[in-house]
Amino acid sequence: MEKRFGISDAARQVGVEAHVLRYWEDELGLAI
């Protein structure tokens, strides 16, 4: 089973703000 994280949890785990993950998702075409 795939473990899922909210945007805030994922951002905390990689050490960036949530808006940075959203930017990466848009700019790089990632399916986060």
PDB file of N, CA and C in Angstrom:
ATOM      1  N   MET A   1       0.834  -1.183   0.000  1.00  0.00           N
ATOM      2  CA  MET A   1       0.000   0.000   0.000  1.00  0.00           C
ATOM      3  C   MET A   1       0.880   1.248   0.000  1.00  0.00           C
ATOM      4  N   GLU A   2       0.497   2.215  -0.793  1.00  0.00           N
ATOM      5  CA  GLU A   2       1.234   3.458  -0.930  1.00  0.00           C
ATOM      6  C   GLU A   2       0.915   4.396   0.231  1.00  0.00           C
ATOM      7  N   LYS A   3       1.961   4.927   0.865  1.00  0.00           N
ATOM      8  CA  LYS A   3       1.755   5.872   1.960  1.00  0.00           C
ATOM      9  C   LYS A   3       1.640   7.278   1.382  1.00  0.00           C
ATOM     10  N   ARG A   4       0.661   8.022   1.840  1.00  0.00           N
ATOM     11  CA  ARG A   4       0.424   9.374   1.335  1.00  0.00           C
ATOM     12  C   ARG A   4       0.648  10.396   2.444  1.00  0.00           C
ATOM     13  N   PHE A   5       1.108  11.570   2.044  1.00  0.00           N
ATOM     14  CA  PHE A   5       1.367  12.658   2.975  1.00  0.00           C
ATOM     15  C   PHE A   5       0.666  13.915   2.484  1.00  0.00           C
ATOM     16  N   GLY A   6       0.248  14.746   3.400  1.00  0.00           N
ATOM     17  CA  GLY A   6      -0.282  16.058   3.039  1.00  0.00           C
ATOM     18  C   GLY A   6       0.862  16.951   2.590  1.00  0.00           C
ATOM     19  N   ILE A   7       0.544  18.050   1.934  1.00  0.00           N
ATOM     20  CA  ILE A   7       1.575  18.944   1.415  1.00  0.00           C
ATOM     21  C   ILE A   7       2.453  19.496   2.536  1.00  0.00           C
ATOM     22  N   SER A   8       1.864  19.816   3.682  1.00  0.00           N
ATOM     23  CA  SER A   8       2.644  20.352   4.806  1.00  0.00           C
ATOM     24  C   SER A   8       3.590  19.306   5.370  1.00  0.00           C
ATOM     25  N   ASP A   9       3.119  18.067   5.498  1.00  0.00           N
ATOM     26  CA  ASP A   9       3.963  16.983   6.001  1.00  0.00           C
ATOM     27  C   ASP A   9       5.118  16.700   5.047  1.00  0.00           C
ATOM     28  N   ALA A  10       4.822  16.651   3.759  1.00  0.00           N
ATOM     29  CA  ALA A  10       5.859  16.388   2.758  1.00  0.00           C
ATOM     30  C   ALA A  10       6.898  17.506   2.757  1.00  0.00           C
ATOM     31  N   ALA A  11       6.447  18.743   2.843  1.00  0.00           N
ATOM     32  CA  ALA A  11       7.362  19.882   2.862  1.00  0.00           C
ATOM     33  C   ALA A  11       8.271  19.819   4.082  1.00  0.00           C
ATOM     34  N   ARG A  12       7.712  19.487   5.223  1.00  0.00           N
ATOM     35  CA  ARG A  12       8.494  19.375   6.453  1.00  0.00           C
ATOM     36  C   ARG A  12       9.560  18.287   6.315  1.00  0.00           C
ATOM     37  N   GLN A  13       9.211  17.175   5.686  1.00  0.00           N
ATOM     38  CA  GLN A  13      10.149  16.063   5.542  1.00  0.00           C
ATOM     39  C   GLN A  13      11.336  16.406   4.647  1.00  0.00           C
ATOM     40  N   VAL A  14      11.112  17.228   3.621  1.00  0.00           N
ATOM     41  CA  VAL A  14      12.219  17.586   2.732  1.00  0.00           C
ATOM     42  C   VAL A  14      12.864  18.918   3.092  1.00  0.00           C
ATOM     43  N   GLY A  15      12.318  19.593   4.107  1.00  0.00           N
ATOM     44  CA  GLY A  15      12.944  20.808   4.621  1.00  0.00           C
ATOM     45  C   GLY A  15      12.688  22.063   3.803  1.00  0.00           C
ATOM     46  N   VAL A  16      11.522  22.146   3.154  1.00  0.00           N
ATOM     47  CA  VAL A  16      11.161  23.354   2.411  1.00  0.00           C
ATOM     48  C   VAL A  16       9.750  23.775   2.807  1.00  0.00           C
ATOM     49  N   GLU A  17       9.368  24.981   2.409  1.00  0.00           N
ATOM     50  CA  GLU A  17       8.009  25.463   2.648  1.00  0.00           C
ATOM     51  C   GLU A  17       7.054  24.797   1.664  1.00  0.00           C
ATOM     52  N   ALA A  18       5.794  24.703   2.044  1.00  0.00           N
ATOM     53  CA  ALA A  18       4.791  24.056   1.194  1.00  0.00           C
ATOM     54  C   ALA A  18       4.672  24.736  -0.169  1.00  0.00           C
ATOM     55  N   HIS A  19       4.800  26.063  -0.202  1.00  0.00           N
ATOM     56  CA  HIS A  19       4.665  26.764  -1.485  1.00  0.00           C
ATOM     57  C   HIS A  19       5.775  26.378  -2.454  1.00  0.00           C
ATOM     58  N   VAL A  20       6.936  25.990  -1.931  1.00  0.00           N
ATOM     59  CA  VAL A  20       8.040  25.553  -2.786  1.00  0.00           C
ATOM     60  C   VAL A  20       7.674  24.239  -3.474  1.00  0.00           C
ATOM     61  N   LEU A  21       7.079  23.315  -2.733  1.00  0.00           N
ATOM     62  CA  LEU A  21       6.640  22.056  -3.349  1.00  0.00           C
ATOM     63  C   LEU A  21       5.586  22.311  -4.412  1.00  0.00           C
ATOM     64  N   ARG A  22       4.684  23.232  -4.147  1.00  0.00           N
ATOM     65  CA  ARG A  22       3.647  23.559  -5.145  1.00  0.00           C
ATOM     66  C   ARG A  22       4.280  24.160  -6.395  1.00  0.00           C
ATOM     67  N   TYR A  23       5.290  25.008  -6.207  1.00  0.00           N
ATOM     68  CA  TYR A  23       6.003  25.602  -7.340  1.00  0.00           C
ATOM     69  C   TYR A  23       6.687  24.510  -8.157  1.00  0.00           C
ATOM     70  N   TRP A  24       7.410  23.613  -7.479  1.00  0.00           N
ATOM     71  CA  TRP A  24       8.086  22.519  -8.180  1.00  0.00           C
ATOM     72  C   TRP A  24       7.083  21.678  -8.952  1.00  0.00           C
ATOM     73  N   GLU A  25       5.942  21.412  -8.330  1.00  0.00           N
ATOM     74  CA  GLU A  25       4.909  20.608  -8.979  1.00  0.00           C
ATOM     75  C   GLU A  25       4.462  21.263 -10.283  1.00  0.00           C
ATOM     76  N   ASP A  26       4.224  22.561 -10.248  1.00  0.00           N
ATOM     77  CA  ASP A  26       3.780  23.280 -11.449  1.00  0.00           C
ATOM     78  C   ASP A  26       4.888  23.397 -12.490  1.00  0.00           C
ATOM     79  N   GLU A  27       6.056  23.848 -12.072  1.00  0.00           N
ATOM     80  CA  GLU A  27       7.146  24.117 -13.008  1.00  0.00           C
ATOM     81  C   GLU A  27       7.739  22.857 -13.633  1.00  0.00           C
ATOM     82  N   LEU A  28       7.809  21.790 -12.855  1.00  0.00           N
ATOM     83  CA  LEU A  28       8.445  20.563 -13.338  1.00  0.00           C
ATOM     84  C   LEU A  28       7.446  19.520 -13.805  1.00  0.00           C
ATOM     85  N   GLY A  29       6.168  19.832 -13.700  1.00  0.00           N
ATOM     86  CA  GLY A  29       5.143  18.888 -14.140  1.00  0.00           C
ATOM     87  C   GLY A  29       5.088  17.632 -13.288  1.00  0.00           C
ATOM     88  N   LEU A  30       5.383  17.775 -11.999  1.00  0.00           N
ATOM     89  CA  LEU A  30       5.374  16.634 -11.088  1.00  0.00           C
ATOM     90  C   LEU A  30       3.964  16.342 -10.598  1.00  0.00           C
ATOM     91  N   ALA A  31       3.686  15.089 -10.389  1.00  0.00           N
ATOM     92  CA  ALA A  31       2.393  14.689  -9.828  1.00  0.00           C
ATOM     93  C   ALA A  31       2.582  14.412  -8.344  1.00  0.00           C
ATOM     94  N   ILE A  32       2.608  15.474  -7.581  1.00  0.00           N
ATOM     95  CA  ILE A  32       2.839  15.343  -6.136  1.00  0.00           C
ATOM     96  C   ILE A  32       1.511  15.185  -5.437  1.00  0.00           C
TER      97      ILE A  32
END
